[in-house]
Amino acid sequence: MSERDIVEPTMLDLLSASNDAGASKINGPIPGSVQSYDKTKQIADIKPAVQVWRDGTFHSLPILRGVQVAFPQSGNIAITFPLTVGSWGEIVVQAADMSEWKANGGTDTPARTRRRFSLSDVVFVPGLRTLNNPLPAGAVDDAALVLWGPLIKLISSSAANAVALAIEADARFDAIELFLAGHMHPTAAPGVPSAPTGPAPSGSSVASTKVLIDE
C-alpha cells in the first residue's frame, strides 16, 4: 500500500469518532426487572434487561442494588402497589451524583462527586410491559381511572373495612321493602297479635371482597 492509498480522516471523521466513543460510556434510561423489593424502604434490586454496546461488543450490565422506587406521590398522598419479582419498569439514570440529595434532600444540593450519568445514580419507575404482554382489557378504559388488581386498599395499608357493593345493597333493601309492604300479623283474638306470616328476608353479604377502606 502506497502513501496515496492511505485516506487521512477529516476533522468531521475525528469529531464523529470522538462523539461515538464518549456516547458509548454514557448510561441512559433502560428497561429493568425486579429481583427483590423492600417495601419498608421502597428500594429494590434491579437487573437491567438490555445489553449495551461498548468497546466493540455487547455487555450485560450488573444488577443494581438498593435502587429507589419512584411511586406516584406528593406530600402525604401516594399510590403504591406490590413489586413482584420479575415485574418490569424503567431504570432512569440521573445526570449527576444524587447520593447527597437522597440522604438529606434539599432544593439546590451540591453533588458529592463529579460523576455524571452513572449507574450509581438511578431510580426505578415501575410499569413497563413488553409489547407481546399488554395489560388485559379489564385493566384499561377510555373514560375512567381503573384500579386493577385482586385487592385494593383505600386510605392506608391497614384498611380492613369492606366497601358495600351498591348492587348487593340495593337488592337487600328492595327485598326488605317488599317484605314490609306485605307484612301482616294475623290475629287469633282481638289485641293479641300472632307471629308474622313469613320470616324477614335474608341475603348474601353486601361487602366487597376486593376493596377495603380505612375509617
N, C-alpha and C. Protein backbone atom coordinates (compact mmCIF):
# COMPACT_ATOMS: atom_id res chain seq x y z
N MET A 1 0.85 -1.20 0.00
CA MET A 1 0.00 0.00 0.00
C MET A 1 0.88 1.24 0.00
N SER A 2 0.64 2.10 -0.93
CA SER A 2 1.42 3.31 -1.04
C SER A 2 0.79 4.40 -0.19
N GLU A 3 1.54 5.47 -0.02
CA GLU A 3 1.01 6.60 0.75
C GLU A 3 -0.22 7.20 0.09
N ARG A 4 -0.33 7.00 -1.25
CA ARG A 4 -1.50 7.53 -1.95
C ARG A 4 -2.79 6.80 -1.55
N ASP A 5 -2.62 5.51 -1.14
CA ASP A 5 -3.80 4.71 -0.80
C ASP A 5 -4.31 5.00 0.62
N ILE A 6 -3.53 5.67 1.44
CA ILE A 6 -3.93 5.96 2.81
C ILE A 6 -4.84 7.19 2.80
N VAL A 7 -6.07 6.98 3.36
CA VAL A 7 -7.03 8.09 3.39
C VAL A 7 -6.95 8.74 4.76
N GLU A 8 -6.58 9.98 4.75
CA GLU A 8 -6.49 10.72 6.01
C GLU A 8 -7.89 11.07 6.50
N PRO A 9 -8.20 10.82 7.78
CA PRO A 9 -9.52 11.19 8.31
C PRO A 9 -9.69 12.70 8.32
N THR A 10 -10.90 13.11 8.04
CA THR A 10 -11.21 14.53 8.09
C THR A 10 -11.50 14.94 9.53
N MET A 11 -11.58 16.23 9.75
CA MET A 11 -11.92 16.71 11.09
C MET A 11 -13.31 16.20 11.51
N LEU A 12 -14.23 16.12 10.53
CA LEU A 12 -15.56 15.60 10.82
C LEU A 12 -15.49 14.14 11.26
N ASP A 13 -14.64 13.36 10.60
CA ASP A 13 -14.47 11.95 10.99
C ASP A 13 -13.94 11.84 12.41
N LEU A 14 -12.97 12.67 12.74
CA LEU A 14 -12.38 12.63 14.08
C LEU A 14 -13.40 13.04 15.15
N LEU A 15 -14.18 14.08 14.86
CA LEU A 15 -15.19 14.52 15.81
C LEU A 15 -16.26 13.45 16.00
N SER A 16 -16.65 12.81 14.90
CA SER A 16 -17.68 11.77 14.97
C SER A 16 -17.19 10.59 15.79
N ALA A 17 -15.92 10.19 15.57
CA ALA A 17 -15.36 9.07 16.33
C ALA A 17 -15.28 9.41 17.81
N SER A 18 -14.90 10.67 18.09
CA SER A 18 -14.80 11.10 19.48
C SER A 18 -16.17 11.10 20.15
N ASN A 19 -17.18 11.58 19.42
CA ASN A 19 -18.53 11.60 19.97
C ASN A 19 -19.05 10.19 20.23
N ASP A 20 -18.78 9.27 19.29
CA ASP A 20 -19.23 7.89 19.45
C ASP A 20 -18.58 7.25 20.67
N ALA A 21 -17.29 7.52 20.85
CA ALA A 21 -16.56 6.95 21.99
C ALA A 21 -17.11 7.49 23.30
N GLY A 22 -17.41 8.79 23.32
CA GLY A 22 -17.94 9.38 24.53
C GLY A 22 -19.36 8.90 24.82
N ALA A 23 -20.17 8.81 23.77
CA ALA A 23 -21.55 8.39 23.95
C ALA A 23 -21.65 6.95 24.45
N SER A 24 -20.71 6.11 24.04
CA SER A 24 -20.76 4.71 24.45
C SER A 24 -20.53 4.54 25.95
N LYS A 25 -20.01 5.57 26.61
CA LYS A 25 -19.76 5.49 28.05
C LYS A 25 -20.85 6.17 28.87
N ILE A 26 -21.86 6.73 28.20
CA ILE A 26 -22.95 7.41 28.90
C ILE A 26 -24.10 6.43 29.09
N ASN A 27 -24.57 6.31 30.32
CA ASN A 27 -25.72 5.47 30.60
C ASN A 27 -26.99 6.28 30.47
N GLY A 28 -28.03 5.64 29.96
CA GLY A 28 -29.32 6.31 29.81
C GLY A 28 -30.43 5.40 30.29
N PRO A 29 -31.68 5.84 30.17
CA PRO A 29 -32.82 5.01 30.61
C PRO A 29 -32.81 3.67 29.90
N ILE A 30 -33.21 2.63 30.65
CA ILE A 30 -33.18 1.27 30.10
C ILE A 30 -34.19 0.42 30.87
N PRO A 31 -34.83 -0.55 30.24
CA PRO A 31 -35.76 -1.41 30.97
C PRO A 31 -35.02 -2.27 32.00
N GLY A 32 -35.73 -2.60 33.07
CA GLY A 32 -35.14 -3.47 34.09
C GLY A 32 -36.21 -4.30 34.77
N SER A 33 -35.80 -5.39 35.41
CA SER A 33 -36.75 -6.24 36.11
C SER A 33 -36.40 -6.33 37.59
N VAL A 34 -37.42 -6.46 38.41
CA VAL A 34 -37.25 -6.51 39.86
C VAL A 34 -36.68 -7.87 40.29
N GLN A 35 -35.61 -7.83 41.06
CA GLN A 35 -35.03 -9.05 41.62
C GLN A 35 -35.43 -9.25 43.07
N SER A 36 -35.58 -8.15 43.80
CA SER A 36 -36.08 -8.19 45.17
C SER A 36 -36.58 -6.79 45.52
N TYR A 37 -37.45 -6.72 46.55
CA TYR A 37 -38.06 -5.43 46.89
C TYR A 37 -38.26 -5.33 48.39
N ASP A 38 -37.86 -4.19 48.96
CA ASP A 38 -38.05 -3.89 50.37
C ASP A 38 -39.16 -2.84 50.47
N LYS A 39 -40.37 -3.27 50.87
CA LYS A 39 -41.50 -2.34 50.88
C LYS A 39 -41.36 -1.29 51.97
N THR A 40 -40.61 -1.59 53.05
CA THR A 40 -40.44 -0.62 54.13
C THR A 40 -39.60 0.58 53.67
N LYS A 41 -38.52 0.31 52.94
CA LYS A 41 -37.64 1.37 52.46
C LYS A 41 -37.97 1.81 51.04
N GLN A 42 -38.85 1.08 50.37
CA GLN A 42 -39.18 1.33 48.96
C GLN A 42 -37.92 1.36 48.07
N ILE A 43 -37.09 0.34 48.26
CA ILE A 43 -35.92 0.17 47.41
C ILE A 43 -35.94 -1.25 46.84
N ALA A 44 -35.29 -1.41 45.70
CA ALA A 44 -35.32 -2.70 45.03
C ALA A 44 -33.97 -2.99 44.39
N ASP A 45 -33.68 -4.27 44.20
CA ASP A 45 -32.56 -4.69 43.38
C ASP A 45 -33.11 -4.91 41.97
N ILE A 46 -32.47 -4.26 41.00
CA ILE A 46 -32.99 -4.24 39.63
C ILE A 46 -31.94 -4.77 38.66
N LYS A 47 -32.37 -5.67 37.78
CA LYS A 47 -31.47 -6.19 36.75
C LYS A 47 -31.77 -5.51 35.41
N PRO A 48 -30.80 -4.77 34.85
CA PRO A 48 -31.01 -4.20 33.52
C PRO A 48 -31.33 -5.29 32.50
N ALA A 49 -32.34 -5.05 31.67
CA ALA A 49 -32.85 -6.10 30.79
C ALA A 49 -32.24 -6.09 29.40
N VAL A 50 -31.48 -5.07 29.07
CA VAL A 50 -30.92 -4.95 27.73
C VAL A 50 -29.41 -4.76 27.82
N GLN A 51 -28.68 -5.47 26.98
CA GLN A 51 -27.23 -5.29 26.93
C GLN A 51 -26.88 -3.97 26.24
N VAL A 52 -25.69 -3.46 26.53
CA VAL A 52 -25.23 -2.21 25.92
C VAL A 52 -23.97 -2.47 25.09
N TRP A 53 -23.78 -1.63 24.08
CA TRP A 53 -22.64 -1.77 23.16
C TRP A 53 -21.48 -0.93 23.67
N ARG A 54 -20.37 -1.58 23.99
CA ARG A 54 -19.19 -0.87 24.45
C ARG A 54 -17.94 -1.62 24.00
N ASP A 55 -16.95 -0.83 23.58
CA ASP A 55 -15.66 -1.40 23.19
C ASP A 55 -15.81 -2.49 22.14
N GLY A 56 -16.71 -2.25 21.19
CA GLY A 56 -16.83 -3.16 20.06
C GLY A 56 -17.64 -4.41 20.31
N THR A 57 -18.32 -4.52 21.43
CA THR A 57 -19.13 -5.71 21.69
C THR A 57 -20.26 -5.37 22.65
N PHE A 58 -21.22 -6.29 22.78
CA PHE A 58 -22.32 -6.09 23.71
C PHE A 58 -21.94 -6.60 25.10
N HIS A 59 -22.37 -5.84 26.12
CA HIS A 59 -22.06 -6.20 27.50
C HIS A 59 -23.34 -6.20 28.33
N SER A 60 -23.44 -7.17 29.26
CA SER A 60 -24.52 -7.17 30.23
C SER A 60 -24.16 -6.21 31.36
N LEU A 61 -25.15 -5.47 31.81
CA LEU A 61 -24.94 -4.57 32.94
C LEU A 61 -25.18 -5.31 34.25
N PRO A 62 -24.54 -4.89 35.33
CA PRO A 62 -24.69 -5.58 36.62
C PRO A 62 -26.05 -5.30 37.26
N ILE A 63 -26.44 -6.17 38.19
CA ILE A 63 -27.64 -5.92 38.98
C ILE A 63 -27.40 -4.68 39.84
N LEU A 64 -28.36 -3.78 39.84
CA LEU A 64 -28.25 -2.53 40.59
C LEU A 64 -28.92 -2.72 41.94
N ARG A 65 -28.17 -2.50 43.02
CA ARG A 65 -28.66 -2.79 44.36
C ARG A 65 -29.23 -1.54 45.04
N GLY A 66 -30.29 -1.75 45.80
CA GLY A 66 -30.84 -0.66 46.62
C GLY A 66 -31.32 0.53 45.83
N VAL A 67 -32.01 0.28 44.71
CA VAL A 67 -32.48 1.36 43.85
C VAL A 67 -33.79 1.93 44.41
N GLN A 68 -33.85 3.25 44.50
CA GLN A 68 -35.06 3.91 44.99
C GLN A 68 -36.19 3.74 43.97
N VAL A 69 -37.38 3.32 44.45
CA VAL A 69 -38.55 3.12 43.60
C VAL A 69 -39.39 4.40 43.58
N ALA A 70 -39.69 4.89 42.41
CA ALA A 70 -40.43 6.15 42.26
C ALA A 70 -41.91 5.86 42.08
N PHE A 71 -42.65 5.78 43.20
CA PHE A 71 -44.10 5.64 43.15
C PHE A 71 -44.73 7.02 42.94
N PRO A 72 -45.91 7.09 42.31
CA PRO A 72 -46.61 8.38 42.21
C PRO A 72 -46.95 8.90 43.61
N GLN A 73 -46.50 10.10 43.94
CA GLN A 73 -46.73 10.63 45.28
C GLN A 73 -46.50 12.13 45.30
N SER A 74 -47.10 12.77 46.29
CA SER A 74 -46.89 14.19 46.52
C SER A 74 -47.35 14.51 47.93
N GLY A 75 -46.48 15.11 48.74
CA GLY A 75 -46.84 15.43 50.11
C GLY A 75 -47.19 14.16 50.87
N ASN A 76 -48.39 14.15 51.46
CA ASN A 76 -48.82 12.98 52.23
C ASN A 76 -49.80 12.10 51.44
N ILE A 77 -49.71 12.16 50.12
CA ILE A 77 -50.56 11.34 49.25
C ILE A 77 -49.66 10.47 48.38
N ALA A 78 -50.01 9.19 48.27
CA ALA A 78 -49.21 8.28 47.46
C ALA A 78 -50.07 7.16 46.90
N ILE A 79 -49.66 6.62 45.77
CA ILE A 79 -50.24 5.41 45.21
C ILE A 79 -49.14 4.37 45.17
N THR A 80 -49.30 3.28 45.90
CA THR A 80 -48.28 2.23 45.93
C THR A 80 -48.91 0.89 45.56
N PHE A 81 -48.07 -0.06 45.23
CA PHE A 81 -48.53 -1.40 44.88
C PHE A 81 -47.37 -2.36 45.06
N PRO A 82 -47.66 -3.66 45.21
CA PRO A 82 -46.57 -4.62 45.40
C PRO A 82 -45.68 -4.70 44.16
N LEU A 83 -44.41 -4.87 44.37
CA LEU A 83 -43.48 -5.12 43.27
C LEU A 83 -43.08 -6.59 43.33
N THR A 84 -43.57 -7.36 42.40
CA THR A 84 -43.26 -8.78 42.38
C THR A 84 -41.96 -9.03 41.63
N VAL A 85 -41.26 -10.08 42.03
CA VAL A 85 -40.01 -10.45 41.35
C VAL A 85 -40.32 -10.75 39.88
N GLY A 86 -39.56 -10.14 39.00
CA GLY A 86 -39.77 -10.33 37.57
C GLY A 86 -40.60 -9.25 36.91
N SER A 87 -41.23 -8.37 37.71
CA SER A 87 -42.02 -7.28 37.11
C SER A 87 -41.07 -6.25 36.51
N TRP A 88 -41.58 -5.52 35.52
CA TRP A 88 -40.74 -4.61 34.72
C TRP A 88 -40.96 -3.15 35.09
N GLY A 89 -39.97 -2.36 34.71
CA GLY A 89 -40.05 -0.92 34.87
C GLY A 89 -38.90 -0.27 34.13
N GLU A 90 -38.77 1.03 34.31
CA GLU A 90 -37.70 1.78 33.63
C GLU A 90 -36.65 2.23 34.63
N ILE A 91 -35.40 1.90 34.34
CA ILE A 91 -34.27 2.41 35.11
C ILE A 91 -33.93 3.79 34.54
N VAL A 92 -34.06 4.82 35.37
CA VAL A 92 -33.81 6.19 34.91
C VAL A 92 -32.50 6.68 35.52
N VAL A 93 -31.52 6.94 34.67
CA VAL A 93 -30.20 7.38 35.11
C VAL A 93 -30.21 8.90 35.28
N GLN A 94 -29.69 9.36 36.42
CA GLN A 94 -29.64 10.79 36.70
C GLN A 94 -28.38 11.42 36.12
N ALA A 95 -28.45 12.71 35.84
CA ALA A 95 -27.34 13.41 35.19
C ALA A 95 -26.20 13.75 36.15
N ALA A 96 -26.45 13.63 37.45
CA ALA A 96 -25.41 14.00 38.43
C ALA A 96 -25.47 13.05 39.62
N ASP A 97 -24.45 13.09 40.44
CA ASP A 97 -24.38 12.30 41.67
C ASP A 97 -25.53 12.74 42.59
N MET A 98 -26.45 11.81 42.89
CA MET A 98 -27.62 12.15 43.69
C MET A 98 -27.54 11.62 45.11
N SER A 99 -26.37 11.11 45.52
CA SER A 99 -26.26 10.48 46.83
C SER A 99 -26.52 11.45 47.98
N GLU A 100 -26.04 12.68 47.87
CA GLU A 100 -26.28 13.67 48.92
C GLU A 100 -27.75 14.04 49.00
N TRP A 101 -28.38 14.20 47.86
CA TRP A 101 -29.81 14.53 47.86
C TRP A 101 -30.63 13.39 48.43
N LYS A 102 -30.28 12.14 48.09
CA LYS A 102 -31.03 11.01 48.63
C LYS A 102 -30.90 10.94 50.14
N ALA A 103 -29.75 11.32 50.67
CA ALA A 103 -29.53 11.23 52.11
C ALA A 103 -30.18 12.37 52.87
N ASN A 104 -30.14 13.59 52.30
CA ASN A 104 -30.57 14.76 53.07
C ASN A 104 -31.56 15.68 52.38
N GLY A 105 -31.90 15.41 51.13
CA GLY A 105 -32.84 16.26 50.42
C GLY A 105 -32.23 17.61 50.07
N GLY A 106 -33.08 18.60 49.88
CA GLY A 106 -32.60 19.94 49.52
C GLY A 106 -33.08 20.35 48.14
N THR A 107 -33.06 21.65 47.88
CA THR A 107 -33.51 22.18 46.60
C THR A 107 -32.38 22.69 45.72
N ASP A 108 -31.17 22.73 46.26
CA ASP A 108 -30.00 23.16 45.47
C ASP A 108 -28.78 22.44 46.04
N THR A 109 -28.84 21.12 46.04
CA THR A 109 -27.86 20.28 46.76
C THR A 109 -26.59 20.08 45.95
N PRO A 110 -25.43 20.38 46.52
CA PRO A 110 -24.17 20.11 45.82
C PRO A 110 -23.96 18.60 45.67
N ALA A 111 -23.46 18.18 44.52
CA ALA A 111 -23.14 16.78 44.31
C ALA A 111 -21.87 16.41 45.08
N ARG A 112 -21.81 15.18 45.57
CA ARG A 112 -20.63 14.74 46.32
C ARG A 112 -19.44 14.46 45.41
N THR A 113 -19.73 14.08 44.15
CA THR A 113 -18.66 13.79 43.19
C THR A 113 -19.00 14.45 41.85
N ARG A 114 -18.08 14.35 40.90
CA ARG A 114 -18.29 14.94 39.58
C ARG A 114 -18.85 13.93 38.59
N ARG A 115 -19.18 12.74 39.06
CA ARG A 115 -19.66 11.72 38.12
C ARG A 115 -20.99 12.15 37.49
N ARG A 116 -21.21 11.69 36.25
CA ARG A 116 -22.42 12.01 35.51
C ARG A 116 -22.94 10.76 34.81
N PHE A 117 -24.28 10.63 34.78
CA PHE A 117 -24.92 9.51 34.09
C PHE A 117 -24.35 8.17 34.55
N SER A 118 -24.18 8.04 35.85
CA SER A 118 -23.60 6.83 36.43
C SER A 118 -24.70 5.86 36.85
N LEU A 119 -24.43 4.57 36.79
CA LEU A 119 -25.38 3.57 37.26
C LEU A 119 -25.49 3.57 38.78
N SER A 120 -24.66 4.38 39.45
CA SER A 120 -24.80 4.56 40.90
C SER A 120 -25.91 5.55 41.23
N ASP A 121 -26.39 6.27 40.22
CA ASP A 121 -27.39 7.32 40.43
C ASP A 121 -28.61 7.04 39.55
N VAL A 122 -29.43 6.12 40.01
CA VAL A 122 -30.60 5.74 39.23
C VAL A 122 -31.83 5.67 40.13
N VAL A 123 -33.00 5.76 39.53
CA VAL A 123 -34.26 5.46 40.20
C VAL A 123 -35.01 4.49 39.30
N PHE A 124 -35.98 3.80 39.88
CA PHE A 124 -36.74 2.80 39.14
C PHE A 124 -38.20 3.21 39.11
N VAL A 125 -38.74 3.31 37.90
CA VAL A 125 -40.16 3.66 37.71
C VAL A 125 -40.89 2.40 37.25
N PRO A 126 -41.67 1.76 38.12
CA PRO A 126 -42.34 0.52 37.72
C PRO A 126 -43.45 0.77 36.72
N GLY A 127 -43.71 -0.24 35.88
CA GLY A 127 -44.85 -0.10 35.00
C GLY A 127 -44.64 -0.50 33.55
N LEU A 128 -43.41 -0.77 33.10
CA LEU A 128 -43.22 -1.15 31.70
C LEU A 128 -43.71 -2.57 31.46
N ARG A 129 -44.15 -2.82 30.26
CA ARG A 129 -44.52 -4.17 29.83
C ARG A 129 -44.02 -4.36 28.40
N THR A 130 -43.74 -5.60 28.04
CA THR A 130 -43.35 -5.89 26.66
C THR A 130 -44.58 -5.81 25.76
N LEU A 131 -44.37 -5.56 24.47
CA LEU A 131 -45.47 -5.37 23.55
C LEU A 131 -46.30 -6.65 23.37
N ASN A 132 -45.68 -7.82 23.61
CA ASN A 132 -46.43 -9.06 23.47
C ASN A 132 -47.15 -9.46 24.76
N ASN A 133 -47.13 -8.57 25.77
CA ASN A 133 -47.79 -8.86 27.03
C ASN A 133 -48.47 -7.60 27.58
N PRO A 134 -49.43 -7.03 26.83
CA PRO A 134 -50.09 -5.80 27.30
C PRO A 134 -51.02 -6.09 28.46
N LEU A 135 -51.47 -5.04 29.13
CA LEU A 135 -52.47 -5.20 30.16
C LEU A 135 -53.76 -5.77 29.57
N PRO A 136 -54.50 -6.58 30.32
CA PRO A 136 -55.75 -7.13 29.80
C PRO A 136 -56.81 -6.05 29.66
N ALA A 137 -57.86 -6.38 28.90
CA ALA A 137 -58.92 -5.40 28.63
C ALA A 137 -59.58 -4.90 29.90
N GLY A 138 -59.65 -5.74 30.93
CA GLY A 138 -60.29 -5.33 32.17
C GLY A 138 -59.50 -4.30 32.96
N ALA A 139 -58.26 -4.02 32.55
CA ALA A 139 -57.42 -3.08 33.28
C ALA A 139 -57.39 -1.69 32.65
N VAL A 140 -58.06 -1.51 31.52
CA VAL A 140 -58.00 -0.22 30.82
C VAL A 140 -59.40 0.24 30.45
N ASP A 141 -59.57 1.56 30.35
CA ASP A 141 -60.86 2.14 29.99
C ASP A 141 -60.61 3.48 29.33
N ASP A 142 -61.44 3.81 28.34
CA ASP A 142 -61.26 5.07 27.61
C ASP A 142 -61.67 6.29 28.42
N ALA A 143 -62.50 6.11 29.46
CA ALA A 143 -63.08 7.27 30.13
C ALA A 143 -63.04 7.17 31.65
N ALA A 144 -62.18 6.32 32.20
CA ALA A 144 -62.17 6.17 33.65
C ALA A 144 -60.79 5.76 34.15
N LEU A 145 -60.51 6.14 35.39
CA LEU A 145 -59.33 5.65 36.08
C LEU A 145 -59.65 4.25 36.57
N VAL A 146 -58.83 3.27 36.19
CA VAL A 146 -59.07 1.88 36.57
C VAL A 146 -58.00 1.45 37.58
N LEU A 147 -58.45 1.06 38.77
CA LEU A 147 -57.55 0.46 39.76
C LEU A 147 -57.73 -1.04 39.65
N TRP A 148 -56.82 -1.67 38.95
CA TRP A 148 -56.96 -3.08 38.60
C TRP A 148 -56.07 -3.94 39.48
N GLY A 149 -56.66 -4.94 40.12
CA GLY A 149 -55.87 -5.81 40.98
C GLY A 149 -56.77 -6.70 41.81
N PRO A 150 -56.20 -7.74 42.42
CA PRO A 150 -57.00 -8.67 43.22
C PRO A 150 -57.50 -8.08 44.53
N LEU A 151 -56.81 -7.07 45.07
CA LEU A 151 -57.23 -6.43 46.32
C LEU A 151 -56.79 -4.98 46.30
N ILE A 152 -57.71 -4.07 46.62
CA ILE A 152 -57.41 -2.63 46.64
C ILE A 152 -57.72 -2.10 48.03
N LYS A 153 -56.75 -1.38 48.61
CA LYS A 153 -56.94 -0.76 49.91
C LYS A 153 -56.91 0.75 49.76
N LEU A 154 -57.91 1.42 50.40
CA LEU A 154 -58.02 2.86 50.33
C LEU A 154 -57.65 3.48 51.67
N ILE A 155 -57.03 4.62 51.66
CA ILE A 155 -56.61 5.44 52.79
C ILE A 155 -55.31 4.94 53.41
N SER A 156 -55.21 3.63 53.75
CA SER A 156 -53.96 3.14 54.33
C SER A 156 -53.83 1.64 54.09
N SER A 157 -52.61 1.13 54.32
CA SER A 157 -52.36 -0.30 54.13
C SER A 157 -53.02 -1.15 55.20
N SER A 158 -53.50 -0.54 56.28
CA SER A 158 -54.18 -1.28 57.34
C SER A 158 -55.69 -1.35 57.13
N ALA A 159 -56.16 -0.85 56.01
CA ALA A 159 -57.60 -0.86 55.74
C ALA A 159 -58.16 -2.28 55.85
N ALA A 160 -59.27 -2.43 56.59
CA ALA A 160 -59.86 -3.75 56.80
C ALA A 160 -61.37 -3.74 56.67
N ASN A 161 -61.98 -2.57 56.45
CA ASN A 161 -63.43 -2.46 56.35
C ASN A 161 -63.85 -2.58 54.88
N ALA A 162 -64.65 -3.59 54.59
CA ALA A 162 -65.07 -3.82 53.21
C ALA A 162 -66.05 -2.75 52.76
N VAL A 163 -65.89 -2.30 51.54
CA VAL A 163 -66.82 -1.34 50.94
C VAL A 163 -68.09 -2.09 50.53
N ALA A 164 -69.27 -1.49 50.80
CA ALA A 164 -70.53 -2.10 50.40
C ALA A 164 -70.73 -1.95 48.90
N LEU A 165 -71.16 -3.03 48.25
CA LEU A 165 -71.41 -3.01 46.82
C LEU A 165 -72.84 -2.54 46.57
N ALA A 166 -73.00 -1.55 45.73
CA ALA A 166 -74.32 -0.95 45.50
C ALA A 166 -75.33 -1.98 45.01
N ILE A 167 -74.93 -2.84 44.10
CA ILE A 167 -75.88 -3.80 43.53
C ILE A 167 -76.37 -4.77 44.59
N GLU A 168 -75.47 -5.18 45.51
CA GLU A 168 -75.88 -6.09 46.58
C GLU A 168 -76.73 -5.36 47.61
N ALA A 169 -76.35 -4.14 47.96
CA ALA A 169 -77.12 -3.36 48.94
C ALA A 169 -78.51 -3.05 48.41
N ASP A 170 -78.62 -2.67 47.12
CA ASP A 170 -79.92 -2.36 46.53
C ASP A 170 -80.83 -3.59 46.56
N ALA A 171 -80.27 -4.75 46.23
CA ALA A 171 -81.07 -5.97 46.24
C ALA A 171 -81.58 -6.28 47.64
N ARG A 172 -80.72 -6.08 48.64
CA ARG A 172 -81.12 -6.35 50.02
C ARG A 172 -82.22 -5.38 50.46
N PHE A 173 -82.06 -4.08 50.17
CA PHE A 173 -83.07 -3.09 50.55
C PHE A 173 -84.39 -3.32 49.82
N ASP A 174 -84.33 -3.71 48.55
CA ASP A 174 -85.55 -3.99 47.79
C ASP A 174 -86.32 -5.15 48.43
N ALA A 175 -85.58 -6.17 48.86
CA ALA A 175 -86.24 -7.32 49.49
C ALA A 175 -86.88 -6.92 50.81
N ILE A 176 -86.20 -6.10 51.59
CA ILE A 176 -86.77 -5.65 52.87
C ILE A 176 -88.00 -4.79 52.63
N GLU A 177 -87.91 -3.89 51.63
CA GLU A 177 -89.05 -3.02 51.31
C GLU A 177 -90.27 -3.84 50.89
N LEU A 178 -90.03 -4.85 50.07
CA LEU A 178 -91.11 -5.70 49.62
C LEU A 178 -91.72 -6.47 50.79
N PHE A 179 -90.88 -6.93 51.67
CA PHE A 179 -91.36 -7.67 52.85
C PHE A 179 -92.22 -6.77 53.73
N LEU A 180 -91.77 -5.56 53.99
CA LEU A 180 -92.52 -4.65 54.85
C LEU A 180 -93.86 -4.25 54.23
N ALA A 181 -93.87 -4.13 52.89
CA ALA A 181 -95.11 -3.74 52.23
C ALA A 181 -96.19 -4.80 52.40
N GLY A 182 -95.81 -6.05 52.50
CA GLY A 182 -96.79 -7.11 52.66
C GLY A 182 -96.79 -7.73 54.03
N HIS A 183 -96.17 -7.05 54.96
CA HIS A 183 -96.02 -7.59 56.31
C HIS A 183 -97.37 -7.63 57.05
N MET A 184 -97.72 -8.78 57.57
CA MET A 184 -99.02 -8.92 58.27
C MET A 184 -98.84 -9.79 59.52
N HIS A 185 -99.62 -9.46 60.56
CA HIS A 185 -99.70 -10.27 61.77
C HIS A 185 -101.14 -10.78 61.91
N PRO A 186 -101.47 -11.95 61.44
CA PRO A 186 -102.83 -12.47 61.65
C PRO A 186 -103.15 -12.54 63.14
N THR A 187 -104.36 -12.14 63.51
CA THR A 187 -104.73 -12.09 64.93
C THR A 187 -105.74 -13.19 65.26
N ALA A 188 -105.37 -14.04 66.20
CA ALA A 188 -106.30 -15.10 66.64
C ALA A 188 -107.40 -14.53 67.50
N ALA A 189 -107.06 -13.49 68.28
CA ALA A 189 -108.05 -12.84 69.15
C ALA A 189 -107.74 -11.36 69.19
N PRO A 190 -108.77 -10.55 69.39
CA PRO A 190 -108.52 -9.08 69.40
C PRO A 190 -107.44 -8.70 70.40
N GLY A 191 -106.47 -7.88 69.90
CA GLY A 191 -105.41 -7.37 70.77
C GLY A 191 -104.28 -8.35 71.04
N VAL A 192 -104.36 -9.51 70.46
CA VAL A 192 -103.30 -10.49 70.68
C VAL A 192 -102.71 -10.88 69.32
N PRO A 193 -101.66 -10.17 68.84
CA PRO A 193 -101.12 -10.47 67.51
C PRO A 193 -100.37 -11.80 67.52
N SER A 194 -100.44 -12.45 66.42
CA SER A 194 -99.68 -13.68 66.26
C SER A 194 -98.36 -13.38 65.55
N ALA A 195 -97.58 -14.39 65.31
CA ALA A 195 -96.29 -14.22 64.61
C ALA A 195 -96.52 -13.80 63.17
N PRO A 196 -95.54 -13.13 62.56
CA PRO A 196 -95.68 -12.75 61.15
C PRO A 196 -95.91 -13.96 60.26
N THR A 197 -96.50 -13.73 59.13
CA THR A 197 -96.79 -14.82 58.19
C THR A 197 -95.54 -15.39 57.55
N GLY A 198 -94.45 -14.65 57.57
CA GLY A 198 -93.21 -15.14 56.98
C GLY A 198 -92.00 -14.48 57.62
N PRO A 199 -90.83 -15.10 57.52
CA PRO A 199 -89.63 -14.51 58.12
C PRO A 199 -89.13 -13.30 57.32
N ALA A 200 -88.38 -12.45 58.00
CA ALA A 200 -87.76 -11.32 57.30
C ALA A 200 -86.75 -11.84 56.28
N PRO A 201 -86.60 -11.17 55.15
CA PRO A 201 -85.70 -11.67 54.10
C PRO A 201 -84.23 -11.60 54.54
N SER A 202 -83.47 -12.52 54.03
CA SER A 202 -82.02 -12.51 54.26
C SER A 202 -81.34 -12.68 52.91
N GLY A 203 -80.09 -12.34 52.86
CA GLY A 203 -79.37 -12.45 51.59
C GLY A 203 -77.88 -12.55 51.83
N SER A 204 -77.16 -12.56 50.74
CA SER A 204 -75.70 -12.64 50.85
C SER A 204 -75.12 -11.32 51.32
N SER A 205 -73.88 -11.34 51.75
CA SER A 205 -73.23 -10.14 52.24
C SER A 205 -73.13 -9.09 51.15
N VAL A 206 -73.27 -7.83 51.54
CA VAL A 206 -73.13 -6.73 50.57
C VAL A 206 -71.69 -6.22 50.51
N ALA A 207 -70.81 -6.82 51.30
CA ALA A 207 -69.42 -6.35 51.39
C ALA A 207 -68.59 -6.81 50.19
N SER A 208 -67.78 -5.90 49.68
CA SER A 208 -66.85 -6.24 48.61
C SER A 208 -65.73 -7.13 49.16
N THR A 209 -65.27 -8.05 48.36
CA THR A 209 -64.13 -8.89 48.75
C THR A 209 -62.83 -8.36 48.16
N LYS A 210 -62.91 -7.27 47.38
CA LYS A 210 -61.72 -6.77 46.69
C LYS A 210 -61.35 -5.33 47.05
N VAL A 211 -62.27 -4.59 47.71
CA VAL A 211 -62.00 -3.19 48.05
C VAL A 211 -62.21 -3.00 49.54
N LEU A 212 -61.13 -2.57 50.23
CA LEU A 212 -61.19 -2.31 51.66
C LEU A 212 -60.87 -0.84 51.91
N ILE A 213 -61.48 -0.26 52.96
CA ILE A 213 -61.24 1.15 53.26
C ILE A 213 -60.94 1.31 54.75
N ASP A 214 -60.10 2.28 55.06
CA ASP A 214 -59.76 2.58 56.45
C ASP A 214 -60.59 3.77 56.91
N GLU A 215 -61.20 3.68 58.09
CA GLU A 215 -62.04 4.78 58.58
C GLU A 215 -61.19 5.98 58.94
